[in-house]
Amino acid sequence: MFNIKLFYSYRGNVMHIVLVGMMGVGKSSIGRSLSDSLEIPFNDIDQMIEKSESRTITRIFKESGEEYFRDREEKFTLLALQQEIKSIISLGGGAFMNKMIRESVLDQSISIWLKLDIKTIRKRIEKNKKRPLVIQNTQVGIEKMLETRSIYYSMSKIHISCDGKDIKDCTTEIIDKITEVKLNEKN
């Protein structure tokens, strides 16, 4: 039987696990849960940028612009992927649109698209006013954003629907899917 915890305890050819998906799907919460379950580090790219900049993502967008933020996002994502000790990496909602990030993630990690129905995403986004691009987006804008981004998210190796599931259920399903992928690679 394949033991994923044992698998991740060997630091050799193991790949990072990268979570992609729309803002509000739970990438950070599920990422922390996966990190605890697999006992490997967790890197939230947005939090890394905020710490480095000593300001929130919303302030970065407001004061320096989206292009500046996207440059930082690319830099921090590529740095995280280059780390020898493998980790769980949570990307911001728009990061996977960046060709360099997307190609690096697809080549160097196990990419996982966390999916959630649009109603739940909207509710979560409306609760959190710290979402920079959403502040200026209407309900239709959020749906269009999801439609556009889904084209890229769908390139991920694993797709997980989080509809009606809690963090623990999603974490368990992700571990099961990674185990399945790794077993299939061995055969």
N, C-alpha and C. Protein backbone atom coordinates (compact mmCIF):
# COMPACT_ATOMS: atom_id res chain seq x y z
N MET A 1 0.84 -1.19 0.00
CA MET A 1 0.00 0.00 0.00
C MET A 1 0.88 1.25 0.00
N PHE A 2 0.51 2.21 -0.79
CA PHE A 2 1.23 3.47 -0.91
C PHE A 2 0.97 4.33 0.32
N ASN A 3 2.02 4.82 0.97
CA ASN A 3 1.89 5.67 2.15
C ASN A 3 2.33 7.08 1.79
N ILE A 4 1.37 7.99 1.63
CA ILE A 4 1.70 9.33 1.18
C ILE A 4 2.54 10.10 2.19
N LYS A 5 2.32 9.89 3.48
CA LYS A 5 3.12 10.58 4.50
C LYS A 5 4.58 10.14 4.39
N LEU A 6 4.79 8.84 4.23
CA LEU A 6 6.14 8.31 4.05
C LEU A 6 6.74 8.86 2.76
N PHE A 7 5.93 8.89 1.71
CA PHE A 7 6.35 9.41 0.41
C PHE A 7 6.87 10.84 0.57
N TYR A 8 6.14 11.67 1.30
CA TYR A 8 6.55 13.06 1.47
C TYR A 8 7.66 13.23 2.50
N SER A 9 7.99 12.19 3.26
CA SER A 9 9.10 12.29 4.20
C SER A 9 10.44 12.17 3.47
N TYR A 10 10.43 11.59 2.28
CA TYR A 10 11.63 11.55 1.44
C TYR A 10 11.66 12.82 0.63
N ARG A 11 12.75 13.54 0.67
CA ARG A 11 12.80 14.86 0.03
C ARG A 11 13.31 14.80 -1.41
N GLY A 12 13.62 13.65 -1.93
CA GLY A 12 14.20 13.52 -3.26
C GLY A 12 13.38 14.07 -4.40
N ASN A 13 12.74 13.20 -5.18
CA ASN A 13 12.02 13.60 -6.38
C ASN A 13 10.57 14.01 -6.12
N VAL A 14 10.24 14.27 -4.92
CA VAL A 14 8.87 14.62 -4.57
C VAL A 14 8.55 16.02 -5.08
N MET A 15 7.34 16.19 -5.55
CA MET A 15 6.94 17.48 -6.09
C MET A 15 6.14 18.28 -5.06
N HIS A 16 6.19 19.60 -5.22
CA HIS A 16 5.32 20.47 -4.42
C HIS A 16 3.87 20.16 -4.78
N ILE A 17 2.98 20.49 -3.89
CA ILE A 17 1.54 20.41 -4.15
C ILE A 17 1.07 21.85 -4.24
N VAL A 18 0.52 22.24 -5.39
CA VAL A 18 0.10 23.62 -5.59
C VAL A 18 -1.41 23.68 -5.76
N LEU A 19 -2.03 24.52 -4.93
CA LEU A 19 -3.48 24.70 -4.96
C LEU A 19 -3.82 25.94 -5.78
N VAL A 20 -4.70 25.75 -6.77
CA VAL A 20 -5.16 26.86 -7.60
C VAL A 20 -6.68 26.92 -7.53
N GLY A 21 -7.22 28.06 -7.89
CA GLY A 21 -8.67 28.23 -7.90
C GLY A 21 -9.03 29.66 -7.57
N MET A 22 -10.31 29.95 -7.73
CA MET A 22 -10.81 31.30 -7.48
C MET A 22 -10.61 31.70 -6.03
N MET A 23 -10.55 33.00 -5.82
CA MET A 23 -10.54 33.51 -4.45
C MET A 23 -11.80 33.02 -3.76
N GLY A 24 -11.67 32.69 -2.50
CA GLY A 24 -12.83 32.28 -1.73
C GLY A 24 -13.13 30.79 -1.74
N VAL A 25 -12.35 29.99 -2.49
CA VAL A 25 -12.64 28.54 -2.52
C VAL A 25 -12.07 27.80 -1.32
N GLY A 26 -11.12 28.42 -0.62
CA GLY A 26 -10.55 27.78 0.56
C GLY A 26 -9.13 27.29 0.39
N LYS A 27 -8.39 27.85 -0.56
CA LYS A 27 -7.02 27.38 -0.81
C LYS A 27 -6.14 27.49 0.43
N SER A 28 -6.23 28.61 1.13
CA SER A 28 -5.38 28.80 2.31
C SER A 28 -5.77 27.85 3.44
N SER A 29 -7.05 27.74 3.71
CA SER A 29 -7.51 26.86 4.80
C SER A 29 -7.20 25.40 4.49
N ILE A 30 -7.49 24.98 3.28
CA ILE A 30 -7.22 23.59 2.87
C ILE A 30 -5.72 23.35 2.80
N GLY A 31 -4.96 24.36 2.36
CA GLY A 31 -3.51 24.24 2.31
C GLY A 31 -2.91 24.00 3.68
N ARG A 32 -3.38 24.75 4.68
CA ARG A 32 -2.89 24.55 6.06
C ARG A 32 -3.26 23.16 6.56
N SER A 33 -4.46 22.71 6.23
CA SER A 33 -4.91 21.37 6.65
C SER A 33 -4.05 20.29 6.00
N LEU A 34 -3.77 20.43 4.72
CA LEU A 34 -2.89 19.48 4.02
C LEU A 34 -1.50 19.48 4.63
N SER A 35 -1.00 20.66 4.92
CA SER A 35 0.32 20.80 5.53
C SER A 35 0.39 20.05 6.86
N ASP A 36 -0.64 20.20 7.68
CA ASP A 36 -0.70 19.48 8.95
C ASP A 36 -0.78 17.97 8.73
N SER A 37 -1.61 17.55 7.80
CA SER A 37 -1.81 16.12 7.54
C SER A 37 -0.55 15.44 7.00
N LEU A 38 0.14 16.12 6.08
CA LEU A 38 1.32 15.53 5.45
C LEU A 38 2.62 15.89 6.16
N GLU A 39 2.51 16.80 7.14
CA GLU A 39 3.67 17.24 7.91
C GLU A 39 4.76 17.81 7.01
N ILE A 40 4.33 18.67 6.09
CA ILE A 40 5.26 19.41 5.23
C ILE A 40 4.87 20.89 5.29
N PRO A 41 5.80 21.79 4.98
CA PRO A 41 5.52 23.23 5.11
C PRO A 41 4.39 23.71 4.19
N PHE A 42 3.81 24.84 4.58
CA PHE A 42 2.77 25.49 3.80
C PHE A 42 3.22 26.89 3.43
N ASN A 43 3.10 27.24 2.16
CA ASN A 43 3.44 28.58 1.68
C ASN A 43 2.22 29.20 1.00
N ASP A 44 1.73 30.28 1.56
CA ASP A 44 0.63 31.03 0.97
C ASP A 44 1.27 32.23 0.26
N ILE A 45 1.24 32.24 -1.06
CA ILE A 45 1.95 33.26 -1.83
C ILE A 45 1.46 34.67 -1.47
N ASP A 46 0.16 34.86 -1.34
CA ASP A 46 -0.35 36.18 -0.97
C ASP A 46 0.19 36.63 0.38
N GLN A 47 0.24 35.73 1.35
CA GLN A 47 0.77 36.08 2.67
C GLN A 47 2.26 36.38 2.61
N MET A 48 2.98 35.64 1.77
CA MET A 48 4.42 35.90 1.61
C MET A 48 4.65 37.31 1.04
N ILE A 49 3.82 37.69 0.07
CA ILE A 49 3.94 39.02 -0.53
C ILE A 49 3.60 40.09 0.50
N GLU A 50 2.51 39.90 1.23
CA GLU A 50 2.13 40.88 2.25
C GLU A 50 3.23 41.06 3.30
N LYS A 51 3.82 39.96 3.72
CA LYS A 51 4.89 40.04 4.72
C LYS A 51 6.10 40.79 4.16
N SER A 52 6.48 40.46 2.94
CA SER A 52 7.62 41.11 2.30
C SER A 52 7.40 42.61 2.10
N GLU A 53 6.18 42.97 1.75
CA GLU A 53 5.84 44.36 1.45
C GLU A 53 5.41 45.15 2.69
N SER A 54 5.14 44.46 3.78
CA SER A 54 4.61 45.09 5.00
C SER A 54 3.33 45.89 4.71
N ARG A 55 2.50 45.35 3.85
CA ARG A 55 1.20 45.96 3.54
C ARG A 55 0.29 44.90 2.93
N THR A 56 -1.00 45.16 2.98
CA THR A 56 -1.97 44.20 2.48
C THR A 56 -1.98 44.17 0.95
N ILE A 57 -2.55 43.11 0.41
CA ILE A 57 -2.69 43.00 -1.05
C ILE A 57 -3.51 44.18 -1.57
N THR A 58 -4.58 44.54 -0.86
CA THR A 58 -5.42 45.66 -1.29
C THR A 58 -4.60 46.95 -1.37
N ARG A 59 -3.76 47.19 -0.37
CA ARG A 59 -2.90 48.40 -0.40
C ARG A 59 -1.88 48.32 -1.52
N ILE A 60 -1.33 47.13 -1.77
CA ILE A 60 -0.37 46.99 -2.87
C ILE A 60 -1.05 47.35 -4.19
N PHE A 61 -2.25 46.82 -4.42
CA PHE A 61 -3.00 47.13 -5.64
C PHE A 61 -3.25 48.64 -5.73
N LYS A 62 -3.69 49.23 -4.63
CA LYS A 62 -4.06 50.64 -4.62
C LYS A 62 -2.84 51.55 -4.81
N GLU A 63 -1.74 51.24 -4.12
CA GLU A 63 -0.57 52.12 -4.12
C GLU A 63 0.42 51.84 -5.25
N SER A 64 0.53 50.56 -5.66
CA SER A 64 1.56 50.21 -6.65
C SER A 64 0.98 49.63 -7.94
N GLY A 65 -0.28 49.25 -7.91
CA GLY A 65 -0.94 48.75 -9.12
C GLY A 65 -0.89 47.24 -9.25
N GLU A 66 -1.77 46.74 -10.11
CA GLU A 66 -1.87 45.30 -10.31
C GLU A 66 -0.61 44.73 -10.95
N GLU A 67 -0.03 45.46 -11.91
CA GLU A 67 1.17 44.94 -12.60
C GLU A 67 2.31 44.70 -11.60
N TYR A 68 2.51 45.63 -10.68
CA TYR A 68 3.53 45.47 -9.65
C TYR A 68 3.24 44.23 -8.82
N PHE A 69 1.97 44.09 -8.39
CA PHE A 69 1.59 42.93 -7.60
C PHE A 69 1.85 41.64 -8.36
N ARG A 70 1.47 41.58 -9.63
CA ARG A 70 1.64 40.36 -10.43
C ARG A 70 3.12 40.01 -10.59
N ASP A 71 3.97 41.02 -10.70
CA ASP A 71 5.42 40.76 -10.76
C ASP A 71 5.91 40.12 -9.46
N ARG A 72 5.45 40.64 -8.32
CA ARG A 72 5.82 40.07 -7.02
C ARG A 72 5.29 38.64 -6.89
N GLU A 73 4.07 38.45 -7.36
CA GLU A 73 3.43 37.13 -7.30
C GLU A 73 4.25 36.11 -8.09
N GLU A 74 4.71 36.50 -9.27
CA GLU A 74 5.54 35.60 -10.09
C GLU A 74 6.84 35.28 -9.37
N LYS A 75 7.49 36.31 -8.85
CA LYS A 75 8.77 36.12 -8.16
C LYS A 75 8.63 35.15 -6.98
N PHE A 76 7.64 35.38 -6.13
CA PHE A 76 7.48 34.55 -4.94
C PHE A 76 7.04 33.12 -5.29
N THR A 77 6.22 32.98 -6.31
CA THR A 77 5.79 31.63 -6.72
C THR A 77 6.97 30.83 -7.24
N LEU A 78 7.77 31.44 -8.11
CA LEU A 78 8.92 30.73 -8.67
C LEU A 78 9.94 30.40 -7.58
N LEU A 79 10.12 31.30 -6.62
CA LEU A 79 11.01 31.02 -5.49
C LEU A 79 10.51 29.83 -4.67
N ALA A 80 9.22 29.80 -4.40
CA ALA A 80 8.64 28.70 -3.62
C ALA A 80 8.81 27.37 -4.34
N LEU A 81 8.64 27.38 -5.66
CA LEU A 81 8.78 26.15 -6.44
C LEU A 81 10.22 25.66 -6.49
N GLN A 82 11.18 26.56 -6.30
CA GLN A 82 12.60 26.19 -6.35
C GLN A 82 13.10 25.62 -5.03
N GLN A 83 12.33 25.73 -3.97
CA GLN A 83 12.77 25.24 -2.67
C GLN A 83 12.96 23.73 -2.70
N GLU A 84 14.05 23.27 -2.11
CA GLU A 84 14.35 21.84 -2.09
C GLU A 84 13.37 21.07 -1.21
N ILE A 85 13.04 21.65 -0.06
CA ILE A 85 12.07 21.00 0.82
C ILE A 85 10.69 21.25 0.23
N LYS A 86 10.01 20.19 -0.10
CA LYS A 86 8.73 20.31 -0.78
C LYS A 86 7.65 20.82 0.17
N SER A 87 6.67 21.47 -0.40
CA SER A 87 5.65 22.11 0.42
C SER A 87 4.30 22.14 -0.28
N ILE A 88 3.32 22.58 0.48
CA ILE A 88 2.01 22.91 -0.07
C ILE A 88 2.10 24.39 -0.41
N ILE A 89 1.70 24.77 -1.62
CA ILE A 89 1.74 26.16 -2.05
C ILE A 89 0.33 26.58 -2.46
N SER A 90 -0.13 27.67 -1.87
CA SER A 90 -1.43 28.23 -2.23
C SER A 90 -1.20 29.47 -3.08
N LEU A 91 -1.71 29.43 -4.32
CA LEU A 91 -1.58 30.58 -5.22
C LEU A 91 -2.77 31.51 -5.05
N GLY A 92 -2.55 32.79 -5.34
CA GLY A 92 -3.66 33.74 -5.40
C GLY A 92 -4.56 33.37 -6.57
N GLY A 93 -5.79 33.85 -6.55
CA GLY A 93 -6.77 33.49 -7.56
C GLY A 93 -6.35 33.78 -8.99
N GLY A 94 -5.58 34.85 -9.22
CA GLY A 94 -5.19 35.22 -10.57
C GLY A 94 -3.83 34.72 -11.01
N ALA A 95 -3.07 34.12 -10.10
CA ALA A 95 -1.69 33.73 -10.40
C ALA A 95 -1.57 32.76 -11.56
N PHE A 96 -2.50 31.83 -11.68
CA PHE A 96 -2.40 30.78 -12.70
C PHE A 96 -2.63 31.32 -14.11
N MET A 97 -3.05 32.59 -14.23
CA MET A 97 -3.22 33.21 -15.55
C MET A 97 -1.85 33.58 -16.13
N ASN A 98 -0.87 33.73 -15.25
CA ASN A 98 0.49 34.08 -15.66
C ASN A 98 1.14 32.85 -16.30
N LYS A 99 1.56 32.99 -17.55
CA LYS A 99 2.09 31.85 -18.31
C LYS A 99 3.32 31.23 -17.63
N MET A 100 4.23 32.05 -17.14
CA MET A 100 5.44 31.55 -16.49
C MET A 100 5.08 30.75 -15.23
N ILE A 101 4.19 31.30 -14.43
CA ILE A 101 3.76 30.59 -13.22
C ILE A 101 3.08 29.28 -13.60
N ARG A 102 2.13 29.36 -14.52
CA ARG A 102 1.35 28.18 -14.91
C ARG A 102 2.26 27.07 -15.44
N GLU A 103 3.16 27.40 -16.35
CA GLU A 103 4.06 26.39 -16.92
C GLU A 103 4.97 25.79 -15.85
N SER A 104 5.47 26.63 -14.96
CA SER A 104 6.35 26.13 -13.89
C SER A 104 5.58 25.21 -12.94
N VAL A 105 4.37 25.61 -12.57
CA VAL A 105 3.55 24.80 -11.68
C VAL A 105 3.22 23.46 -12.34
N LEU A 106 2.79 23.50 -13.59
CA LEU A 106 2.42 22.26 -14.28
C LEU A 106 3.61 21.32 -14.46
N ASP A 107 4.80 21.90 -14.61
CA ASP A 107 6.01 21.11 -14.83
C ASP A 107 6.64 20.60 -13.54
N GLN A 108 6.53 21.39 -12.46
CA GLN A 108 7.31 21.10 -11.25
C GLN A 108 6.48 20.72 -10.04
N SER A 109 5.19 20.50 -10.21
CA SER A 109 4.37 20.23 -9.03
C SER A 109 3.17 19.35 -9.38
N ILE A 110 2.47 18.96 -8.34
CA ILE A 110 1.16 18.34 -8.50
C ILE A 110 0.18 19.49 -8.32
N SER A 111 -0.46 19.88 -9.40
CA SER A 111 -1.38 21.02 -9.35
C SER A 111 -2.80 20.53 -9.07
N ILE A 112 -3.47 21.25 -8.18
CA ILE A 112 -4.81 20.85 -7.77
C ILE A 112 -5.74 22.06 -7.88
N TRP A 113 -6.79 21.89 -8.70
CA TRP A 113 -7.80 22.93 -8.85
C TRP A 113 -8.91 22.70 -7.85
N LEU A 114 -9.08 23.62 -6.93
CA LEU A 114 -10.17 23.57 -5.97
C LEU A 114 -11.35 24.32 -6.57
N LYS A 115 -12.44 23.59 -6.78
CA LYS A 115 -13.63 24.15 -7.42
C LYS A 115 -14.75 24.33 -6.39
N LEU A 116 -15.55 25.35 -6.63
CA LEU A 116 -16.67 25.64 -5.74
C LEU A 116 -17.74 26.35 -6.57
N ASP A 117 -19.01 26.11 -6.24
CA ASP A 117 -20.08 26.74 -7.01
C ASP A 117 -20.03 28.26 -6.85
N ILE A 118 -20.48 28.95 -7.89
CA ILE A 118 -20.38 30.41 -7.95
C ILE A 118 -21.14 31.11 -6.82
N LYS A 119 -22.28 30.56 -6.40
CA LYS A 119 -23.04 31.18 -5.30
C LYS A 119 -22.22 31.23 -4.02
N THR A 120 -21.57 30.13 -3.70
CA THR A 120 -20.76 30.06 -2.48
C THR A 120 -19.55 30.99 -2.60
N ILE A 121 -18.92 31.01 -3.77
CA ILE A 121 -17.78 31.91 -3.98
C ILE A 121 -18.22 33.35 -3.75
N ARG A 122 -19.34 33.73 -4.36
CA ARG A 122 -19.85 35.11 -4.22
C ARG A 122 -20.10 35.46 -2.75
N LYS A 123 -20.73 34.55 -2.02
CA LYS A 123 -21.01 34.80 -0.59
C LYS A 123 -19.72 35.02 0.18
N ARG A 124 -18.74 34.17 -0.06
CA ARG A 124 -17.47 34.28 0.66
C ARG A 124 -16.74 35.58 0.30
N ILE A 125 -16.76 35.93 -0.98
CA ILE A 125 -16.09 37.15 -1.43
C ILE A 125 -16.76 38.39 -0.84
N GLU A 126 -18.09 38.40 -0.84
CA GLU A 126 -18.83 39.55 -0.30
C GLU A 126 -18.55 39.75 1.18
N LYS A 127 -18.30 38.66 1.91
CA LYS A 127 -17.97 38.75 3.34
C LYS A 127 -16.60 39.39 3.55
N ASN A 128 -15.69 39.17 2.60
CA ASN A 128 -14.30 39.61 2.76
C ASN A 128 -14.03 40.78 1.83
N LYS A 129 -14.05 41.97 2.36
CA LYS A 129 -13.85 43.19 1.55
C LYS A 129 -12.38 43.44 1.23
N LYS A 130 -11.50 42.54 1.66
CA LYS A 130 -10.07 42.71 1.39
C LYS A 130 -9.67 42.17 0.02
N ARG A 131 -10.60 41.71 -0.77
CA ARG A 131 -10.30 41.14 -2.08
C ARG A 131 -10.16 42.26 -3.11
N PRO A 132 -8.94 42.56 -3.58
CA PRO A 132 -8.70 43.75 -4.40
C PRO A 132 -9.47 43.82 -5.72
N LEU A 133 -9.44 42.80 -6.52
CA LEU A 133 -10.11 42.87 -7.82
C LEU A 133 -11.62 42.76 -7.69
N VAL A 134 -12.08 42.21 -6.61
CA VAL A 134 -13.51 42.01 -6.44
C VAL A 134 -14.19 43.29 -6.00
N ILE A 135 -13.47 44.12 -5.30
CA ILE A 135 -14.04 45.38 -4.84
C ILE A 135 -14.64 46.13 -6.03
N GLN A 136 -13.97 46.05 -7.17
CA GLN A 136 -14.45 46.77 -8.35
C GLN A 136 -15.30 45.89 -9.27
N ASN A 137 -15.59 44.67 -8.89
CA ASN A 137 -16.34 43.76 -9.75
C ASN A 137 -17.77 43.56 -9.26
N THR A 138 -18.66 43.50 -10.21
CA THR A 138 -20.05 43.19 -9.91
C THR A 138 -20.23 41.68 -9.88
N GLN A 139 -21.44 41.26 -9.59
CA GLN A 139 -21.76 39.83 -9.60
C GLN A 139 -21.44 39.22 -10.97
N VAL A 140 -21.82 39.92 -12.03
CA VAL A 140 -21.55 39.44 -13.39
C VAL A 140 -20.05 39.37 -13.63
N GLY A 141 -19.31 40.36 -13.08
CA GLY A 141 -17.86 40.38 -13.24
C GLY A 141 -17.19 39.18 -12.60
N ILE A 142 -17.68 38.78 -11.44
CA ILE A 142 -17.12 37.62 -10.75
C ILE A 142 -17.36 36.36 -11.57
N GLU A 143 -18.57 36.23 -12.12
CA GLU A 143 -18.89 35.07 -12.95
C GLU A 143 -18.02 35.03 -14.20
N LYS A 144 -17.81 36.18 -14.82
CA LYS A 144 -16.97 36.26 -16.02
C LYS A 144 -15.51 35.91 -15.67
N MET A 145 -15.06 36.42 -14.51
CA MET A 145 -13.71 36.11 -14.04
C MET A 145 -13.54 34.61 -13.87
N LEU A 146 -14.51 33.96 -13.24
CA LEU A 146 -14.45 32.51 -13.03
C LEU A 146 -14.45 31.77 -14.36
N GLU A 147 -15.29 32.22 -15.28
CA GLU A 147 -15.36 31.58 -16.60
C GLU A 147 -14.02 31.66 -17.32
N THR A 148 -13.40 32.83 -17.30
CA THR A 148 -12.10 33.03 -17.96
C THR A 148 -11.00 32.21 -17.27
N ARG A 149 -10.96 32.28 -15.96
CA ARG A 149 -9.89 31.60 -15.22
C ARG A 149 -10.04 30.09 -15.25
N SER A 150 -11.26 29.60 -15.34
CA SER A 150 -11.50 28.14 -15.34
C SER A 150 -10.78 27.45 -16.50
N ILE A 151 -10.62 28.15 -17.60
CA ILE A 151 -9.90 27.60 -18.76
C ILE A 151 -8.49 27.21 -18.33
N TYR A 152 -7.86 28.06 -17.53
CA TYR A 152 -6.49 27.80 -17.07
C TYR A 152 -6.47 26.83 -15.89
N TYR A 153 -7.38 27.04 -14.93
CA TYR A 153 -7.44 26.14 -13.78
C TYR A 153 -7.62 24.69 -14.22
N SER A 154 -8.38 24.48 -15.28
CA SER A 154 -8.69 23.12 -15.74
C SER A 154 -7.46 22.37 -16.24
N MET A 155 -6.35 23.07 -16.44
CA MET A 155 -5.10 22.42 -16.86
C MET A 155 -4.45 21.66 -15.70
N SER A 156 -4.92 21.88 -14.49
CA SER A 156 -4.36 21.22 -13.31
C SER A 156 -4.50 19.71 -13.40
N LYS A 157 -3.56 19.02 -12.77
CA LYS A 157 -3.54 17.55 -12.80
C LYS A 157 -4.74 16.94 -12.08
N ILE A 158 -5.13 17.56 -10.97
CA ILE A 158 -6.23 17.03 -10.15
C ILE A 158 -7.29 18.12 -9.99
N HIS A 159 -8.55 17.72 -10.10
CA HIS A 159 -9.68 18.64 -9.89
C HIS A 159 -10.46 18.14 -8.68
N ILE A 160 -10.72 19.04 -7.73
CA ILE A 160 -11.45 18.69 -6.52
C ILE A 160 -12.64 19.63 -6.37
N SER A 161 -13.83 19.08 -6.32
CA SER A 161 -15.02 19.89 -6.04
C SER A 161 -15.17 19.99 -4.52
N CYS A 162 -15.22 21.22 -4.03
CA CYS A 162 -15.36 21.45 -2.59
C CYS A 162 -16.81 21.74 -2.20
N ASP A 163 -17.71 21.63 -3.16
CA ASP A 163 -19.13 21.91 -2.89
C ASP A 163 -19.66 20.99 -1.79
N GLY A 164 -20.24 21.59 -0.77
CA GLY A 164 -20.87 20.83 0.31
C GLY A 164 -19.90 20.06 1.19
N LYS A 165 -18.61 20.34 1.09
CA LYS A 165 -17.61 19.62 1.88
C LYS A 165 -16.92 20.57 2.83
N ASP A 166 -16.50 20.04 3.97
CA ASP A 166 -15.71 20.86 4.89
C ASP A 166 -14.23 20.69 4.56
N ILE A 167 -13.40 21.41 5.29
CA ILE A 167 -11.95 21.40 5.04
C ILE A 167 -11.38 19.99 5.17
N LYS A 168 -11.81 19.27 6.19
CA LYS A 168 -11.30 17.91 6.42
C LYS A 168 -11.65 16.99 5.25
N ASP A 169 -12.89 17.08 4.76
CA ASP A 169 -13.31 16.24 3.63
C ASP A 169 -12.48 16.54 2.38
N CYS A 170 -12.27 17.84 2.11
CA CYS A 170 -11.47 18.22 0.94
C CYS A 170 -10.03 17.74 1.09
N THR A 171 -9.47 17.87 2.29
CA THR A 171 -8.10 17.42 2.55
C THR A 171 -7.98 15.92 2.31
N THR A 172 -8.91 15.16 2.83
CA THR A 172 -8.89 13.70 2.65
C THR A 172 -9.00 13.34 1.17
N GLU A 173 -9.89 14.02 0.45
CA GLU A 173 -10.05 13.73 -0.98
C GLU A 173 -8.78 14.06 -1.76
N ILE A 174 -8.13 15.16 -1.42
CA ILE A 174 -6.89 15.53 -2.09
C ILE A 174 -5.82 14.48 -1.85
N ILE A 175 -5.65 14.05 -0.61
CA ILE A 175 -4.65 13.03 -0.29
C ILE A 175 -4.96 11.74 -1.05
N ASP A 176 -6.22 11.36 -1.10
CA ASP A 176 -6.62 10.15 -1.85
C ASP A 176 -6.28 10.29 -3.33
N LYS A 177 -6.56 11.46 -3.91
CA LYS A 177 -6.30 11.68 -5.35
C LYS A 177 -4.80 11.68 -5.63
N ILE A 178 -4.01 12.31 -4.76
CA ILE A 178 -2.56 12.31 -4.96
C ILE A 178 -2.03 10.89 -4.86
N THR A 179 -2.51 10.14 -3.90
CA THR A 179 -2.11 8.74 -3.75
C THR A 179 -2.42 7.97 -5.02
N GLU A 180 -3.62 8.17 -5.56
CA GLU A 180 -4.04 7.50 -6.80
C GLU A 180 -3.12 7.88 -7.96
N VAL A 181 -2.80 9.17 -8.08
CA VAL A 181 -1.91 9.64 -9.15
C VAL A 181 -0.54 9.00 -9.01
N LYS A 182 0.00 8.98 -7.79
CA LYS A 182 1.33 8.42 -7.56
C LYS A 182 1.36 6.91 -7.81
N LEU A 183 0.31 6.22 -7.42
CA LEU A 183 0.24 4.77 -7.70
C LEU A 183 0.19 4.51 -9.20
N ASN A 184 -0.56 5.31 -9.93
CA ASN A 184 -0.66 5.15 -11.38
C ASN A 184 0.67 5.45 -12.07
N GLU A 185 1.45 6.38 -11.52
CA GLU A 185 2.76 6.69 -12.08
C GLU A 185 3.72 5.53 -11.91
N LYS A 186 3.57 4.78 -10.81
CA LYS A 186 4.44 3.64 -10.55
C LYS A 186 4.17 2.49 -11.52
N ASN A 187 2.94 2.37 -11.98
CA ASN A 187 2.54 1.24 -12.85
C ASN A 187 2.83 1.50 -14.30
